[in-house]
């Protein structure tokens, strides 16, 4: 499907630190090490934020969600949220948040909430219910209590892209679509890590003084390749994307963490979720109609409009939680993180970061960097808590509305609007492709979608995928049958996210997309977008 990319590296390359996994933690670690002057290579089997880091709700936690059940995680979130607001403000919308109780909720939990927050150092201000509903009209008329907390929304894609951009500017290297396939041990040390490019099938050997496993949900599998075991629970979380934005703030249900109890502002839309379902494998993780029904059923008592609102997409990711849980009880596992040094596994140059949250990614990276620097005799301190994260042109197009503003300011005669839902112009796509090519990568439509708003609007790529591919064919990026292959990859993934919400207007949109694409492009796209299997899951 993808054009093979030849890596311009010898068969053996050397570095001080090899990082495995380019989620928010791996990219934060690359930045931390680069700021300390440590040479590092980051390898990622897919792309930046391809795992849970790109499949979350984008909540920058105040910590209030965990004050009753996990005060340690609550305090970590409070401290780290404040740091990120200072040093990475461009990635954050400081929306504030409400914790909202409705009739029937646990009144003891409501009464104790403010004192729990105070013990964790978190500000929680009781609001007049009528005033809160005036600020957020979507709140239920059955609301009985509201507390204001310093929650915020964060763009995980921009955070990771800008962290990696600064790391690369300081000498770090990133190998995308490169999978770890084995470790070669010598005594108590990993001598060589074998990796393989998924584009070219070329195999490389990387010699590193230290190796950090930051592979998220795949951390256990990576550790096992080195002969180390980690107890981990996999928890699938599903989220739904609304057609329009329902609230300006983060809205949390004022109860112990459960299903469907968070509504996040996401630019022009809202994101509602989540679920926590124990899964035993990382294969074929997708949102199901039952997940969507559960989320809406749980969230509608707090936000009644959700019962009839159009949802344009669902998505699911896997939380890598530390320890073990009974079946179906993954919320009992801590949302904290751990750093394993693997010395009890007979290894002195491997570390694994596991667990944690988006909000604590910087702290996780600092702890891992401290460990590997201590092992290598590097004494330079961590700078990420005080050094602002520079804005990067490579992350310029992830935020809603950015492309539209730029297009209207400097619209040229050839700057075609490719995505009308999210207002993405051809100049934005060209800038993304230029940045990828300058890094030695061959751009794909999926790469462009991750780094922009293409495909994220109400049509879910029905029109913008065709326009973007046509533009790239004219720019000689996609030749021959490659454009069609790119669309199959891209639309197949967008389609997976629509199965769970196919009713009402979204079902009509999906039928239009099927008729358009299968009518124009015949069997290849018919295979990627078959309605046959999805219709059986449609909610009446």
Protein backbone atom coordinates (compact mmCIF):
# COMPACT_ATOMS: atom_id res chain seq x y z
CA UNK A 1 0.00 0.00 0.00
CA UNK A 2 2.78 2.40 0.87
CA UNK A 3 5.78 3.29 -1.18
CA UNK A 4 8.90 1.80 0.35
CA UNK A 5 11.32 4.24 1.92
CA UNK A 6 15.03 3.53 1.85
CA UNK A 7 16.65 4.39 5.18
CA UNK A 8 19.90 6.22 4.77
CA UNK A 9 21.61 4.45 7.67
CA UNK A 10 24.31 1.79 7.82
CA UNK A 11 23.29 -1.67 8.98
CA UNK A 12 24.61 -0.83 12.48
CA UNK A 13 24.08 2.56 14.12
CA UNK A 14 25.14 3.79 17.54
CA UNK A 15 23.57 6.07 20.10
CA UNK A 16 23.70 6.73 23.82
CA UNK A 17 20.00 6.02 24.43
CA UNK A 18 17.48 4.13 22.34
CA UNK A 19 13.83 4.96 23.10
CA UNK A 20 11.10 2.56 21.96
CA UNK A 21 7.68 4.15 21.38
CA UNK A 22 6.77 7.62 20.09
CA UNK A 23 3.77 8.44 22.23
CA UNK A 24 3.62 11.46 24.51
CA UNK A 25 6.04 9.83 26.97
CA UNK A 26 8.60 8.66 24.41
CA UNK A 27 8.69 12.03 22.65
CA UNK A 28 8.90 13.85 26.01
CA UNK A 29 11.83 11.61 26.93
CA UNK A 30 13.59 12.36 23.65
CA UNK A 31 13.22 16.07 24.37
CA UNK A 32 14.42 15.70 27.97
CA UNK A 33 17.53 13.79 26.95
CA UNK A 34 18.29 16.13 24.05
CA UNK A 35 18.10 19.14 26.38
CA UNK A 36 20.68 17.39 28.60
CA UNK A 37 22.98 16.89 25.60
CA UNK A 38 22.40 13.13 25.41
CA UNK A 39 22.29 11.54 21.95
CA UNK A 40 19.17 9.45 21.41
CA UNK A 41 17.24 7.58 18.75
CA UNK A 42 13.49 7.01 19.01
CA UNK A 43 11.96 4.10 17.10
CA UNK A 44 8.21 3.75 16.53
CA UNK A 45 6.46 0.87 14.78
CA UNK A 46 3.75 3.17 13.42
CA UNK A 47 3.70 6.95 13.84
CA UNK A 48 3.76 9.57 16.57
CA UNK A 49 0.84 9.06 19.00
CA UNK A 50 -0.45 6.03 17.08
CA UNK A 51 -1.42 4.25 20.30
CA UNK A 52 -3.22 5.44 23.43
CA UNK A 53 -1.51 8.85 23.19
CA UNK A 54 -3.62 9.58 20.11
CA UNK A 55 -6.79 7.84 21.31
CA UNK A 56 -7.61 9.67 24.52
CA UNK A 57 -9.98 12.52 25.33
CA UNK A 58 -7.28 15.19 25.60
CA UNK A 59 -7.98 16.00 29.25
CA UNK A 60 -5.28 17.85 31.18
CA UNK A 61 -6.28 16.61 34.61
CA UNK A 62 -6.56 18.88 37.60
CA UNK A 63 -6.33 15.64 39.57
CA UNK A 64 -9.85 15.99 40.99
CA UNK A 65 -11.04 12.81 39.29
CA UNK A 66 -8.75 10.71 41.50
CA UNK A 67 -8.93 12.50 44.86
CA UNK A 68 -11.00 9.84 46.60
CA UNK A 69 -9.56 6.63 45.19
CA UNK A 70 -5.98 7.45 44.14
CA UNK A 71 -4.69 10.61 45.89
CA UNK A 72 -1.11 9.96 44.74
CA UNK A 73 -2.18 10.11 41.09
CA UNK A 74 -4.32 13.17 41.90
CA UNK A 75 -1.34 15.10 43.29
CA UNK A 76 0.86 14.10 40.36
CA UNK A 77 -1.77 15.37 37.93
CA UNK A 78 -2.19 18.63 39.83
CA UNK A 79 1.54 19.39 39.84
CA UNK A 80 2.21 18.29 36.28
CA UNK A 81 -0.85 20.05 34.88
CA UNK A 82 0.41 23.31 36.34
CA UNK A 83 3.87 22.77 34.81
CA UNK A 84 2.47 22.03 31.34
CA UNK A 85 0.29 25.13 31.49
CA UNK A 86 3.47 27.15 32.01
CA UNK A 87 5.87 25.51 29.58
CA UNK A 88 3.55 24.22 26.82
CA UNK A 89 0.75 26.77 26.86
CA UNK A 90 0.31 26.67 23.07
CA UNK A 91 -0.89 23.06 23.32
CA UNK A 92 -3.51 23.82 25.98
CA UNK A 93 -6.95 25.41 26.11
CA UNK A 94 -7.36 26.44 29.74
CA UNK A 95 -11.11 25.90 29.70
CA UNK A 96 -11.64 25.11 33.35
CA UNK A 97 -13.91 22.29 34.41
CA UNK A 98 -17.07 21.47 36.31
CA UNK A 99 -17.79 18.41 38.45
CA UNK A 100 -21.54 17.95 38.27
CA UNK A 101 -23.88 15.79 40.37
CA UNK A 102 -27.46 14.98 39.42
CA UNK A 103 -30.35 13.64 41.43
CA UNK A 104 -29.61 10.11 42.56
CA UNK A 105 -25.84 10.52 42.80
CA UNK A 106 -24.04 9.56 46.03
CA UNK A 107 -24.63 12.48 48.41
CA UNK A 108 -21.82 11.37 50.75
CA UNK A 109 -19.31 11.54 47.88
CA UNK A 110 -20.67 14.99 46.97
CA UNK A 111 -20.30 16.22 50.55
CA UNK A 112 -16.73 14.91 50.87
CA UNK A 113 -15.49 16.03 47.43
CA UNK A 114 -14.16 19.47 48.40
CA UNK A 115 -12.25 18.11 51.41
CA UNK A 116 -10.74 15.30 49.31
CA UNK A 117 -9.57 17.92 46.81
CA UNK A 118 -8.13 20.12 49.55
CA UNK A 119 -6.05 17.21 50.92
CA UNK A 120 -4.50 16.79 47.45
CA UNK A 121 -3.91 20.55 47.06
CA UNK A 122 -6.55 20.92 44.35
CA UNK A 123 -8.84 23.94 44.24
CA UNK A 124 -12.52 22.98 44.08
CA UNK A 125 -15.00 25.87 44.37
CA UNK A 126 -18.68 25.18 45.02
CA UNK A 127 -20.85 26.84 42.37
CA UNK A 128 -24.41 28.04 42.52
CA UNK A 129 -26.27 25.50 40.40
CA UNK A 130 -28.36 28.11 38.57
CA UNK A 131 -25.23 30.15 37.76
CA UNK A 132 -23.42 27.05 36.51
CA UNK A 133 -26.35 26.11 34.27
CA UNK A 134 -26.40 29.65 32.90
CA UNK A 135 -22.72 29.19 31.97
CA UNK A 136 -23.31 25.68 30.57
CA UNK A 137 -26.93 25.43 29.38
CA UNK A 138 -26.49 21.79 28.33
CA UNK A 139 -26.40 20.71 31.99
CA UNK A 140 -29.42 18.79 33.19
CA UNK A 141 -32.22 20.51 35.09
CA UNK A 142 -31.77 17.66 37.59
CA UNK A 143 -28.33 19.01 38.58
CA UNK A 144 -27.97 19.26 42.36
CA UNK A 145 -24.31 20.25 42.87
CA UNK A 146 -21.47 21.77 40.83
CA UNK A 147 -17.82 22.32 41.74
CA UNK A 148 -15.37 24.30 39.60
CA UNK A 149 -11.85 22.82 39.16
CA UNK A 150 -8.79 23.77 37.07
CA UNK A 151 -9.20 21.11 34.35
CA UNK A 152 -8.09 21.97 30.81
CA UNK A 153 -7.93 20.54 27.30
CA UNK A 154 -4.60 19.59 25.74
CA UNK A 155 -3.71 18.69 22.16
CA UNK A 156 -1.63 15.49 22.51
CA UNK A 157 -0.61 15.52 18.84
CA UNK A 158 0.81 19.02 19.01
CA UNK A 159 2.51 18.24 22.32
CA UNK A 160 4.28 15.19 20.90
CA UNK A 161 5.09 16.72 17.51
CA UNK A 162 6.63 19.80 19.12
CA UNK A 163 8.53 17.77 21.71
CA UNK A 164 9.99 15.63 18.94
CA UNK A 165 10.74 18.65 16.76
CA UNK A 166 12.83 20.25 19.49
CA UNK A 167 14.58 16.97 20.22
CA UNK A 168 15.48 16.58 16.53
CA UNK A 169 16.72 20.17 16.39
CA UNK A 170 19.13 19.21 19.19
CA UNK A 171 20.39 16.08 17.43
CA UNK A 172 17.88 13.34 18.25
CA UNK A 173 16.74 10.95 15.49
CA UNK A 174 13.29 9.50 14.83
CA UNK A 175 12.67 6.29 12.89
CA UNK A 176 8.96 5.96 12.13
CA UNK A 177 7.37 2.70 10.98
CA UNK A 178 10.29 0.81 12.50
CA UNK A 179 9.58 -2.17 14.75
CA UNK A 180 11.80 -3.76 17.40
CA UNK A 181 12.19 -7.42 16.47
CA UNK A 182 14.79 -8.62 18.96
CA UNK A 183 17.48 -7.95 21.56
CA UNK A 184 20.98 -9.39 21.67
CA UNK A 185 22.18 -9.75 25.26
CA UNK A 186 25.71 -10.05 26.54
CA UNK A 187 25.85 -10.79 30.25
CA UNK A 188 23.80 -8.19 32.10
CA UNK A 189 23.59 -5.83 29.16
CA UNK A 190 21.68 -5.50 25.92
CA UNK A 191 24.42 -5.24 23.33
CA UNK A 192 22.28 -4.69 20.23
CA UNK A 193 18.63 -4.01 19.41
CA UNK A 194 17.40 -5.35 16.08
CA UNK A 195 14.78 -3.24 14.33
CA UNK A 196 13.05 -3.58 10.98
CA UNK A 197 11.59 -0.91 8.72
CA UNK A 198 7.99 -1.76 7.91
CA UNK A 199 8.25 0.24 4.66
CA UNK A 200 11.35 -1.30 3.15
CA UNK A 201 11.77 -4.52 5.22
CA UNK A 202 15.36 -3.37 5.83
CA UNK A 203 16.76 -4.59 9.16
CA UNK A 204 19.06 -2.45 11.28
CA UNK A 205 21.03 -3.12 14.44
CA UNK A 206 21.20 -0.33 17.00
CA UNK A 207 23.92 -0.30 19.65
CA UNK A 208 22.91 1.84 22.63
CA UNK A 209 24.41 2.36 26.06
CA UNK A 210 20.88 2.47 27.50
CA UNK A 211 17.48 1.34 26.21
CA UNK A 212 14.15 2.76 27.43
CA UNK A 213 10.97 0.87 26.67
CA UNK A 214 8.16 3.46 26.41
CA UNK A 215 5.92 1.40 24.15
CA UNK A 216 2.70 1.98 26.07
CA UNK A 217 0.30 -0.93 25.76
CA UNK A 218 3.02 -2.87 23.92
CA UNK A 219 5.58 -2.37 26.72
CA UNK A 220 5.00 -5.86 28.09
CA UNK A 221 5.65 -7.48 24.70
CA UNK A 222 8.81 -5.40 24.18
CA UNK A 223 10.11 -6.28 27.66
CA UNK A 224 9.48 -9.98 27.02
CA UNK A 225 11.70 -9.79 23.93
CA UNK A 226 14.51 -8.92 26.33
CA UNK A 227 13.56 -11.66 28.79
CA UNK A 228 11.88 -9.35 31.31
CA UNK A 229 8.30 -9.69 32.52
CA UNK A 230 5.87 -6.97 33.64
CA UNK A 231 2.43 -7.46 35.19
CA UNK A 232 0.04 -5.33 33.17
CA UNK A 233 -3.71 -5.02 32.67
CA UNK A 234 -5.15 -3.93 29.33
CA UNK A 235 -8.19 -1.66 29.58
CA UNK A 236 -10.04 -0.63 26.43
CA UNK A 237 -11.55 2.83 26.53
CA UNK A 238 -14.07 4.06 23.95
CA UNK A 239 -14.97 7.68 23.24
CA UNK A 240 -17.58 9.34 21.01
CA UNK A 241 -17.23 12.53 18.95
CA UNK A 242 -20.27 14.80 18.66
CA UNK A 243 -21.24 16.76 15.55
CA UNK A 244 -21.12 20.09 17.40
CA UNK A 245 -19.57 21.40 20.61
CA UNK A 246 -21.89 20.95 23.56
CA UNK A 247 -20.03 22.81 26.33
CA UNK A 248 -17.18 25.28 26.68
CA UNK A 249 -15.69 23.60 29.76
CA UNK A 250 -14.64 20.12 30.73
CA UNK A 251 -17.71 18.50 32.33
CA UNK A 252 -17.13 15.65 34.81
CA UNK A 253 -19.71 13.60 36.67
CA UNK A 254 -19.36 14.18 40.41
CA UNK A 255 -18.98 10.55 41.46
CA UNK A 256 -16.30 7.91 41.60
CA UNK A 257 -14.78 7.29 38.14
CA UNK A 258 -17.08 5.29 35.93
CA UNK A 259 -18.36 4.96 32.37
CA UNK A 260 -19.53 7.94 30.35
CA UNK A 261 -18.65 10.55 32.95
CA UNK A 262 -16.48 13.06 31.05
CA UNK A 263 -17.37 15.53 28.29
CA UNK A 264 -14.35 17.24 26.71
CA UNK A 265 -14.27 20.34 24.49
CA UNK A 266 -12.46 19.45 21.27
CA UNK A 267 -12.39 22.52 19.05
CA UNK A 268 -15.68 22.55 17.15
CA UNK A 269 -16.86 19.24 18.67
CA UNK A 270 -17.16 17.55 22.04
CA UNK A 271 -15.68 14.21 23.06
CA UNK A 272 -17.66 12.09 25.49
CA UNK A 273 -16.61 8.92 27.29
CA UNK A 274 -15.08 6.84 28.38
CA UNK A 275 -15.42 3.13 29.12
CA UNK A 276 -13.06 0.75 30.88
CA UNK A 277 -13.28 -2.80 29.61
CA UNK A 278 -10.73 -5.49 30.38
CA UNK A 279 -9.22 -6.97 27.21
CA UNK A 280 -6.65 -9.74 26.95
CA UNK A 281 -5.14 -8.88 23.56
CA UNK A 282 -4.08 -5.80 21.64
CA UNK A 283 -5.37 -7.19 18.36
CA UNK A 284 -8.40 -5.69 16.64
CA UNK A 285 -9.29 -2.99 19.16
CA UNK A 286 -12.32 -1.09 17.91
CA UNK A 287 -15.38 0.72 19.31
CA UNK A 288 -18.63 -1.27 19.37
CA UNK A 289 -22.23 -0.13 19.30
CA UNK A 290 -22.66 -1.51 22.82
CA UNK A 291 -19.87 0.86 23.98
CA UNK A 292 -21.66 3.82 22.38
CA UNK A 293 -24.98 2.84 23.95
CA UNK A 294 -23.31 2.53 27.37
CA UNK A 295 -21.63 5.94 27.13
CA UNK A 296 -24.79 7.74 26.03
CA UNK A 297 -26.88 6.00 28.66
CA UNK A 298 -24.48 7.02 31.43
CA UNK A 299 -23.78 10.57 30.22
CA UNK A 300 -27.30 11.66 29.23
CA UNK A 301 -28.55 12.14 32.84
CA UNK A 302 -25.89 14.87 33.21
CA UNK A 303 -26.16 16.21 29.62
CA UNK A 304 -29.60 15.29 28.21
CA UNK A 305 -28.85 16.55 24.68
CA UNK A 306 -26.54 13.56 24.19
CA UNK A 307 -29.56 11.27 23.94
CA UNK A 308 -30.55 12.77 20.58
CA UNK A 309 -27.30 14.34 19.33
CA UNK A 310 -25.54 13.27 16.14
CA UNK A 311 -22.22 11.50 16.69
CA UNK A 312 -19.79 11.51 13.80
CA UNK A 313 -17.26 9.01 15.07
CA UNK A 314 -16.18 6.69 17.85
CA UNK A 315 -12.65 5.58 18.66
CA UNK A 316 -11.01 3.25 21.12
CA UNK A 317 -7.60 2.88 22.68
CA UNK A 318 -5.97 0.62 25.25
CA UNK A 319 -4.75 1.86 28.61
CA UNK A 320 -1.67 -0.01 29.85
CA UNK A 321 -2.37 -0.28 33.58
CA UNK A 322 0.10 -1.65 36.09
CA UNK A 323 -0.69 -4.82 37.97
CA UNK A 324 -3.58 -7.24 37.53
CA UNK A 325 -7.32 -6.83 37.89
CA UNK A 326 -10.30 -9.09 38.04
CA UNK A 327 -12.18 -9.45 34.77
CA UNK A 328 -14.18 -6.30 34.07
CA UNK A 329 -12.69 -4.44 37.06
CA UNK A 330 -9.84 -2.51 35.44
CA UNK A 331 -10.90 0.76 37.13
CA UNK A 332 -9.58 -0.75 40.38
CA UNK A 333 -6.04 -0.60 38.96
CA UNK A 334 -4.07 2.57 39.73
CA UNK A 335 -3.65 5.24 37.04
CA UNK A 336 -0.18 5.95 38.43
CA UNK A 337 3.02 5.01 36.65
CA UNK A 338 6.13 2.99 37.40
CA UNK A 339 9.70 2.94 36.14
CA UNK A 340 11.19 -0.56 36.05
CA UNK A 341 14.99 -0.73 36.04
CA UNK A 342 14.99 -4.49 35.22
CA UNK A 343 18.06 -5.11 37.37
CA UNK A 344 16.14 -7.98 39.00
CA UNK A 345 15.83 -9.43 35.48
CA UNK A 346 19.61 -9.40 35.10
CA UNK A 347 19.76 -6.28 32.93
CA UNK A 348 21.65 -3.10 33.77
CA UNK A 349 20.88 -1.03 30.67
CA UNK A 350 17.14 -1.51 30.11
CA UNK A 351 14.31 0.49 31.70
CA UNK A 352 10.57 0.36 31.11
CA UNK A 353 8.07 3.16 31.67
CA UNK A 354 4.55 1.86 32.18
CA UNK A 355 1.17 3.17 33.27
CA UNK A 356 0.60 6.85 33.86
CA UNK A 357 -1.48 9.43 32.05
CA UNK A 358 -1.12 12.06 29.35
CA UNK A 359 -0.99 14.70 32.09
CA UNK A 360 2.05 13.07 33.73
CA UNK A 361 4.09 12.37 30.59
CA UNK A 362 6.72 15.02 31.37
CA UNK A 363 7.30 13.66 34.88
CA UNK A 364 7.53 10.10 33.57
CA UNK A 365 10.14 11.21 31.04
CA UNK A 366 12.12 13.04 33.74
CA UNK A 367 12.26 9.96 35.96
CA UNK A 368 13.43 7.76 33.08
CA UNK A 369 16.01 10.31 31.94
CA UNK A 370 17.35 10.63 35.49
CA UNK A 371 17.84 6.86 35.66
CA UNK A 372 19.64 6.42 32.35
CA UNK A 373 21.76 9.53 32.92
CA UNK A 374 22.80 8.23 36.32
CA UNK A 375 23.79 4.92 34.74
CA UNK A 376 25.86 6.73 32.07
CA UNK A 377 27.45 9.22 34.48
CA UNK A 378 25.67 12.22 32.93
CA UNK A 379 25.15 14.89 35.60
CA UNK A 380 23.26 17.54 33.64
CA UNK A 381 19.83 18.17 35.28
CA UNK A 382 16.35 17.97 33.81
CA UNK A 383 15.25 21.24 32.17
CA UNK A 384 11.75 20.38 30.95
CA UNK A 385 9.92 21.75 34.01
CA UNK A 386 11.24 25.25 33.36
CA UNK A 387 12.17 25.43 29.67
CA UNK A 388 9.30 26.51 27.40
CA UNK A 389 8.43 24.12 24.58
CA UNK A 390 9.09 25.97 21.30
CA UNK A 391 6.32 26.16 18.75
CA UNK A 392 7.07 24.17 15.63
CA UNK A 393 5.87 24.53 12.05
CA UNK A 394 5.55 20.73 11.96
CA UNK A 395 2.68 20.92 14.48
CA UNK A 396 1.01 24.01 13.07
CA UNK A 397 -2.04 22.32 11.60
CA UNK A 398 -3.37 20.07 14.37
CA UNK A 399 -5.55 22.71 16.03
CA UNK A 400 -9.10 23.33 14.75
CA UNK A 401 -9.44 26.57 12.83
CA UNK A 402 -5.72 27.23 12.30
CA UNK A 403 -5.75 26.35 8.62
CA UNK A 404 -8.89 28.42 8.03
CA UNK A 405 -7.35 31.53 9.60
CA UNK A 406 -4.16 31.19 7.59
CA UNK A 407 -6.13 30.55 4.40
CA UNK A 408 -8.31 33.64 4.82
CA UNK A 409 -5.32 35.85 5.67
CA UNK A 410 -3.14 34.93 2.71
CA UNK A 411 -5.37 33.14 0.25
CA UNK A 412 -3.60 32.75 -3.06
CA UNK A 413 -5.16 31.86 -6.40
CA UNK A 414 -3.86 28.30 -6.18
CA UNK A 415 -4.57 27.69 -2.48
CA UNK A 416 -7.55 25.36 -2.85
CA UNK A 417 -9.74 24.49 0.11
CA UNK A 418 -9.45 20.70 0.35
CA UNK A 419 -11.47 20.07 3.52
CA UNK A 420 -14.57 22.21 3.96
CA UNK A 421 -15.62 20.66 7.28
CA UNK A 422 -12.39 21.63 9.02
CA UNK A 423 -11.18 24.29 6.55
CA UNK A 424 -7.88 22.69 5.54
CA UNK A 425 -6.25 24.34 2.53
CA UNK A 426 -3.81 22.85 0.06
CA UNK A 427 -1.06 25.07 1.50
CA UNK A 428 -1.39 23.25 4.84
CA UNK A 429 -1.12 19.84 3.15
CA UNK A 430 1.91 21.04 1.17
CA UNK A 431 3.60 22.27 4.35
CA UNK A 432 3.06 18.91 6.07
CA UNK A 433 4.42 16.98 3.09
CA UNK A 434 7.47 19.25 2.87
CA UNK A 435 8.24 18.69 6.56
CA UNK A 436 7.91 14.91 6.21
CA UNK A 437 10.09 14.78 3.11
CA UNK A 438 12.74 16.94 4.77
CA UNK A 439 12.91 14.32 7.53
CA UNK A 440 13.52 11.60 4.95
CA UNK A 441 9.97 10.22 5.06
CA UNK A 442 7.55 9.50 2.24
CA UNK A 443 4.25 11.25 3.12
CA UNK A 444 1.04 9.22 3.25
CA UNK A 445 -2.57 10.36 3.46
CA UNK A 446 -2.71 8.88 6.97
CA UNK A 447 0.35 10.94 7.94
CA UNK A 448 -1.39 14.07 6.68
CA UNK A 449 -4.57 13.21 8.59
CA UNK A 450 -2.66 12.80 11.85
CA UNK A 451 -0.93 16.17 11.44
CA UNK A 452 -3.99 18.13 10.29
CA UNK A 453 -7.78 18.17 10.48
CA UNK A 454 -8.25 16.29 7.18
CA UNK A 455 -10.91 13.60 7.67
CA UNK A 456 -11.90 14.76 11.16
CA UNK A 457 -15.05 16.68 10.26
CA UNK A 458 -18.65 15.63 9.84
CA UNK A 459 -18.09 13.92 6.48
CA UNK A 460 -15.23 11.82 7.95
CA UNK A 461 -13.18 12.08 4.78
CA UNK A 462 -15.97 11.54 2.25
CA UNK A 463 -14.96 14.57 0.20
CA UNK A 464 -11.62 15.79 1.55
CA UNK A 465 -9.87 12.45 1.03
CA UNK A 466 -10.62 12.60 -2.70
CA UNK A 467 -9.62 16.24 -2.98
CA UNK A 468 -6.41 15.75 -1.01
CA UNK A 469 -5.36 12.73 -3.04
CA UNK A 470 -6.16 14.58 -6.28
CA UNK A 471 -4.04 17.52 -5.12
CA UNK A 472 -1.12 15.25 -4.23
CA UNK A 473 -1.39 13.48 -7.58
CA UNK A 474 -1.05 16.88 -9.25
CA UNK A 475 1.94 17.62 -7.01
CA UNK A 476 3.54 14.33 -8.15
CA UNK A 477 3.49 12.93 -4.60
CA UNK A 478 1.12 10.08 -5.47
CA UNK A 479 1.72 8.32 -8.76
CA UNK A 480 -0.12 5.55 -10.61
CA UNK A 481 -2.36 3.50 -8.34
CA UNK A 482 -0.84 4.89 -5.16
CA UNK A 483 -3.55 7.52 -4.70
CA UNK A 484 -6.26 4.85 -4.64
CA UNK A 485 -4.23 2.70 -2.25
CA UNK A 486 -3.79 5.67 0.09
CA UNK A 487 -7.54 6.29 0.09
CA UNK A 488 -8.24 2.64 0.91
CA UNK A 489 -5.92 2.85 3.94
CA UNK A 490 -7.26 6.20 5.09
CA UNK A 491 -10.98 5.59 4.60
CA UNK A 492 -10.76 2.09 6.01
CA UNK A 493 -9.56 3.57 9.30
CA UNK A 494 -12.16 6.37 9.28
CA UNK A 495 -14.82 3.78 8.53
CA UNK A 496 -13.87 1.65 11.53
CA UNK A 497 -14.72 4.63 13.71
CA UNK A 498 -18.21 5.07 12.28
CA UNK A 499 -19.61 1.56 12.74
CA UNK A 500 -20.55 2.18 16.37
CA UNK A 501 -22.53 5.38 15.70
CA UNK A 502 -24.41 4.53 12.51
CA UNK A 503 -27.89 5.84 13.12
CA UNK A 504 -29.86 8.89 12.03
CA UNK A 505 -27.89 11.55 10.17
CA UNK A 506 -24.60 9.70 10.45
CA UNK A 507 -26.05 6.63 8.77
CA UNK A 508 -27.24 8.80 5.90
CA UNK A 509 -23.75 10.34 5.69
CA UNK A 510 -22.19 6.89 5.60
CA UNK A 511 -24.51 5.74 2.83
CA UNK A 512 -23.60 8.84 0.80
CA UNK A 513 -19.89 8.12 1.33
CA UNK A 514 -20.33 4.50 0.29
CA UNK A 515 -22.22 5.46 -2.87
CA UNK A 516 -19.69 8.17 -3.74
CA UNK A 517 -16.52 6.18 -3.22
CA UNK A 518 -17.64 2.77 -4.34
CA UNK A 519 -19.34 4.26 -7.37
CA UNK A 520 -16.20 6.14 -8.36
CA UNK A 521 -13.49 3.74 -7.31
CA UNK A 522 -15.24 0.38 -7.46
CA UNK A 523 -14.06 -2.77 -5.75
CA UNK A 524 -10.97 -1.55 -3.88
CA UNK A 525 -12.97 0.91 -1.78
CA UNK A 526 -15.98 -1.38 -1.60
CA UNK A 527 -13.81 -3.77 0.42
CA UNK A 528 -12.76 -0.99 2.79
CA UNK A 529 -16.24 0.47 3.26
CA UNK A 530 -18.71 -2.42 3.09
CA UNK A 531 -21.92 -1.50 4.88
CA UNK A 532 -23.04 -5.13 5.08
CA UNK A 533 -21.35 -6.01 8.34
CA UNK A 534 -21.94 -2.61 9.94
CA UNK A 535 -25.70 -2.54 9.45
CA UNK A 536 -26.13 -5.48 11.81
CA UNK A 537 -24.69 -3.34 14.60
CA UNK A 538 -26.80 -0.23 13.99
CA UNK A 539 -28.69 1.07 17.00
CA UNK A 540 -32.40 1.53 16.22
